[in-house]
Amino acid sequence: MPWMEWYDSTAKPGCTPTLATIVWMILAIWPYYRWIAVVQAPYFIWVSLAPVLQLSMTWMNWGR
């Protein structure tokens, strides 16, 4: 299926660069504006949880 090839090509980098960027940003801003770093916590949790949800839905629908 063509959409699967597109999905595979876009999903390869994974969430690691995004998580690393968020952690880097939180650590870089913490000494100056702690409230901004704290506000990023829900976003970090969502970015950590979203790949698990996506992979579990993909796995559950794999044979359909």
N, C-alpha and C. Protein backbone atom coordinates (compact mmCIF):
# COMPACT_ATOMS: atom_id res chain seq x y z
N MET A 1 0.83 -1.18 0.00
CA MET A 1 0.00 0.00 0.00
C MET A 1 0.88 1.25 0.00
N PRO A 2 0.57 2.21 -0.84
CA PRO A 2 1.41 3.41 -0.91
C PRO A 2 1.46 4.21 0.38
N TRP A 3 0.35 4.28 1.11
CA TRP A 3 0.36 5.08 2.33
C TRP A 3 1.29 4.48 3.37
N MET A 4 1.45 3.15 3.34
CA MET A 4 2.34 2.52 4.30
C MET A 4 3.81 2.88 4.03
N GLU A 5 4.16 2.96 2.77
CA GLU A 5 5.53 3.37 2.42
C GLU A 5 5.78 4.80 2.88
N TRP A 6 4.78 5.67 2.69
CA TRP A 6 4.93 7.05 3.13
C TRP A 6 5.05 7.10 4.65
N TYR A 7 4.21 6.34 5.34
CA TYR A 7 4.26 6.33 6.81
C TYR A 7 5.61 5.82 7.31
N ASP A 8 6.11 4.76 6.71
CA ASP A 8 7.41 4.22 7.12
C ASP A 8 8.52 5.24 6.90
N SER A 9 8.46 5.97 5.80
CA SER A 9 9.53 6.93 5.52
C SER A 9 9.48 8.12 6.47
N THR A 10 8.28 8.51 6.91
CA THR A 10 8.20 9.66 7.81
C THR A 10 8.39 9.26 9.26
N ALA A 11 8.14 8.02 9.61
CA ALA A 11 8.20 7.60 11.01
C ALA A 11 9.59 7.12 11.43
N LYS A 12 10.53 7.00 10.52
CA LYS A 12 11.83 6.42 10.86
C LYS A 12 12.61 7.21 11.91
N PRO A 13 12.67 8.54 11.87
CA PRO A 13 13.47 9.22 12.88
C PRO A 13 12.98 8.99 14.30
N GLY A 14 11.71 8.73 14.47
CA GLY A 14 11.18 8.46 15.81
C GLY A 14 11.03 9.73 16.62
N CYS A 15 10.80 9.55 17.89
CA CYS A 15 10.57 10.70 18.76
C CYS A 15 11.82 11.11 19.52
N THR A 16 12.90 10.38 19.35
CA THR A 16 14.11 10.68 20.11
C THR A 16 14.63 12.10 19.87
N PRO A 17 14.74 12.58 18.63
CA PRO A 17 15.21 13.97 18.46
C PRO A 17 14.28 14.99 19.11
N THR A 18 12.98 14.74 19.05
CA THR A 18 12.03 15.66 19.65
C THR A 18 12.18 15.67 21.16
N LEU A 19 12.26 14.50 21.76
CA LEU A 19 12.43 14.43 23.22
C LEU A 19 13.75 15.06 23.65
N ALA A 20 14.80 14.80 22.90
CA ALA A 20 16.11 15.38 23.23
C ALA A 20 16.07 16.90 23.14
N THR A 21 15.35 17.44 22.15
CA THR A 21 15.24 18.89 22.00
C THR A 21 14.47 19.50 23.16
N ILE A 22 13.39 18.84 23.56
CA ILE A 22 12.60 19.36 24.69
C ILE A 22 13.42 19.34 25.97
N VAL A 23 14.12 18.25 26.23
CA VAL A 23 14.95 18.17 27.43
C VAL A 23 16.05 19.23 27.39
N TRP A 24 16.68 19.40 26.25
CA TRP A 24 17.72 20.41 26.11
C TRP A 24 17.16 21.81 26.38
N MET A 25 15.98 22.08 25.83
CA MET A 25 15.36 23.39 26.02
C MET A 25 15.03 23.62 27.49
N ILE A 26 14.49 22.60 28.14
CA ILE A 26 14.15 22.74 29.57
C ILE A 26 15.42 23.02 30.39
N LEU A 27 16.47 22.28 30.12
CA LEU A 27 17.73 22.48 30.87
C LEU A 27 18.37 23.83 30.56
N ALA A 28 18.26 24.30 29.32
CA ALA A 28 18.86 25.58 28.95
C ALA A 28 18.11 26.76 29.55
N ILE A 29 16.80 26.65 29.65
CA ILE A 29 15.99 27.77 30.14
C ILE A 29 15.84 27.77 31.65
N TRP A 30 16.00 26.62 32.29
CA TRP A 30 15.77 26.49 33.74
C TRP A 30 16.45 27.57 34.58
N PRO A 31 17.73 27.89 34.36
CA PRO A 31 18.37 28.90 35.23
C PRO A 31 17.78 30.31 35.08
N TYR A 32 17.15 30.59 33.95
CA TYR A 32 16.68 31.94 33.68
C TYR A 32 15.18 32.12 33.94
N TYR A 33 14.39 31.20 33.40
CA TYR A 33 12.93 31.27 33.50
C TYR A 33 12.39 29.89 33.88
N ARG A 34 12.36 29.60 35.14
CA ARG A 34 11.95 28.27 35.59
C ARG A 34 10.50 27.97 35.24
N TRP A 35 9.64 28.98 35.27
CA TRP A 35 8.23 28.74 35.01
C TRP A 35 8.01 28.27 33.57
N ILE A 36 8.82 28.76 32.63
CA ILE A 36 8.69 28.31 31.25
C ILE A 36 9.11 26.84 31.13
N ALA A 37 10.16 26.48 31.83
CA ALA A 37 10.60 25.08 31.81
C ALA A 37 9.55 24.16 32.43
N VAL A 38 8.92 24.61 33.50
CA VAL A 38 7.88 23.80 34.15
C VAL A 38 6.65 23.67 33.25
N VAL A 39 6.32 24.72 32.54
CA VAL A 39 5.16 24.69 31.66
C VAL A 39 5.36 23.68 30.52
N GLN A 40 6.59 23.38 30.18
CA GLN A 40 6.87 22.42 29.11
C GLN A 40 6.68 20.97 29.55
N ALA A 41 6.50 20.71 30.82
CA ALA A 41 6.35 19.34 31.33
C ALA A 41 5.18 18.59 30.70
N PRO A 42 3.97 19.18 30.59
CA PRO A 42 2.88 18.44 29.94
C PRO A 42 3.19 18.10 28.48
N TYR A 43 3.84 19.01 27.78
CA TYR A 43 4.22 18.74 26.40
C TYR A 43 5.21 17.58 26.34
N PHE A 44 6.18 17.56 27.24
CA PHE A 44 7.15 16.47 27.29
C PHE A 44 6.46 15.14 27.56
N ILE A 45 5.51 15.15 28.48
CA ILE A 45 4.77 13.91 28.78
C ILE A 45 3.98 13.45 27.57
N TRP A 46 3.33 14.38 26.88
CA TRP A 46 2.55 14.00 25.69
C TRP A 46 3.45 13.45 24.59
N VAL A 47 4.57 14.09 24.34
CA VAL A 47 5.48 13.62 23.29
C VAL A 47 6.08 12.26 23.66
N SER A 48 6.21 11.99 24.95
CA SER A 48 6.69 10.68 25.39
C SER A 48 5.61 9.61 25.25
N LEU A 49 4.37 9.98 25.46
CA LEU A 49 3.26 9.03 25.44
C LEU A 49 2.71 8.77 24.04
N ALA A 50 2.72 9.77 23.17
CA ALA A 50 2.11 9.65 21.85
C ALA A 50 2.67 8.49 21.01
N PRO A 51 3.98 8.27 20.95
CA PRO A 51 4.48 7.14 20.15
C PRO A 51 3.99 5.79 20.69
N VAL A 52 3.86 5.67 22.00
CA VAL A 52 3.36 4.42 22.58
C VAL A 52 1.92 4.20 22.15
N LEU A 53 1.10 5.24 22.21
CA LEU A 53 -0.28 5.11 21.77
C LEU A 53 -0.37 4.76 20.29
N GLN A 54 0.42 5.44 19.47
CA GLN A 54 0.40 5.19 18.03
C GLN A 54 0.84 3.77 17.71
N LEU A 55 1.90 3.32 18.33
CA LEU A 55 2.38 1.96 18.07
C LEU A 55 1.40 0.91 18.56
N SER A 56 0.74 1.16 19.69
CA SER A 56 -0.23 0.18 20.19
C SER A 56 -1.44 0.11 19.26
N MET A 57 -1.90 1.24 18.74
CA MET A 57 -3.02 1.21 17.79
C MET A 57 -2.61 0.53 16.50
N THR A 58 -1.40 0.79 16.04
CA THR A 58 -0.92 0.14 14.82
C THR A 58 -0.83 -1.37 15.04
N TRP A 59 -0.32 -1.79 16.18
CA TRP A 59 -0.19 -3.21 16.47
C TRP A 59 -1.55 -3.89 16.56
N MET A 60 -2.53 -3.23 17.20
CA MET A 60 -3.87 -3.82 17.33
C MET A 60 -4.57 -3.93 15.98
N ASN A 61 -4.28 -3.03 15.05
CA ASN A 61 -4.95 -3.05 13.75
C ASN A 61 -4.11 -3.69 12.65
N TRP A 62 -2.99 -4.30 13.01
CA TRP A 62 -2.05 -4.83 12.02
C TRP A 62 -2.69 -5.87 11.10
N GLY A 63 -3.47 -6.79 11.63
CA GLY A 63 -4.00 -7.88 10.81
C GLY A 63 -5.33 -7.58 10.15
N ARG A 64 -5.87 -6.41 10.29
CA ARG A 64 -7.18 -6.10 9.73
C ARG A 64 -7.12 -5.69 8.30
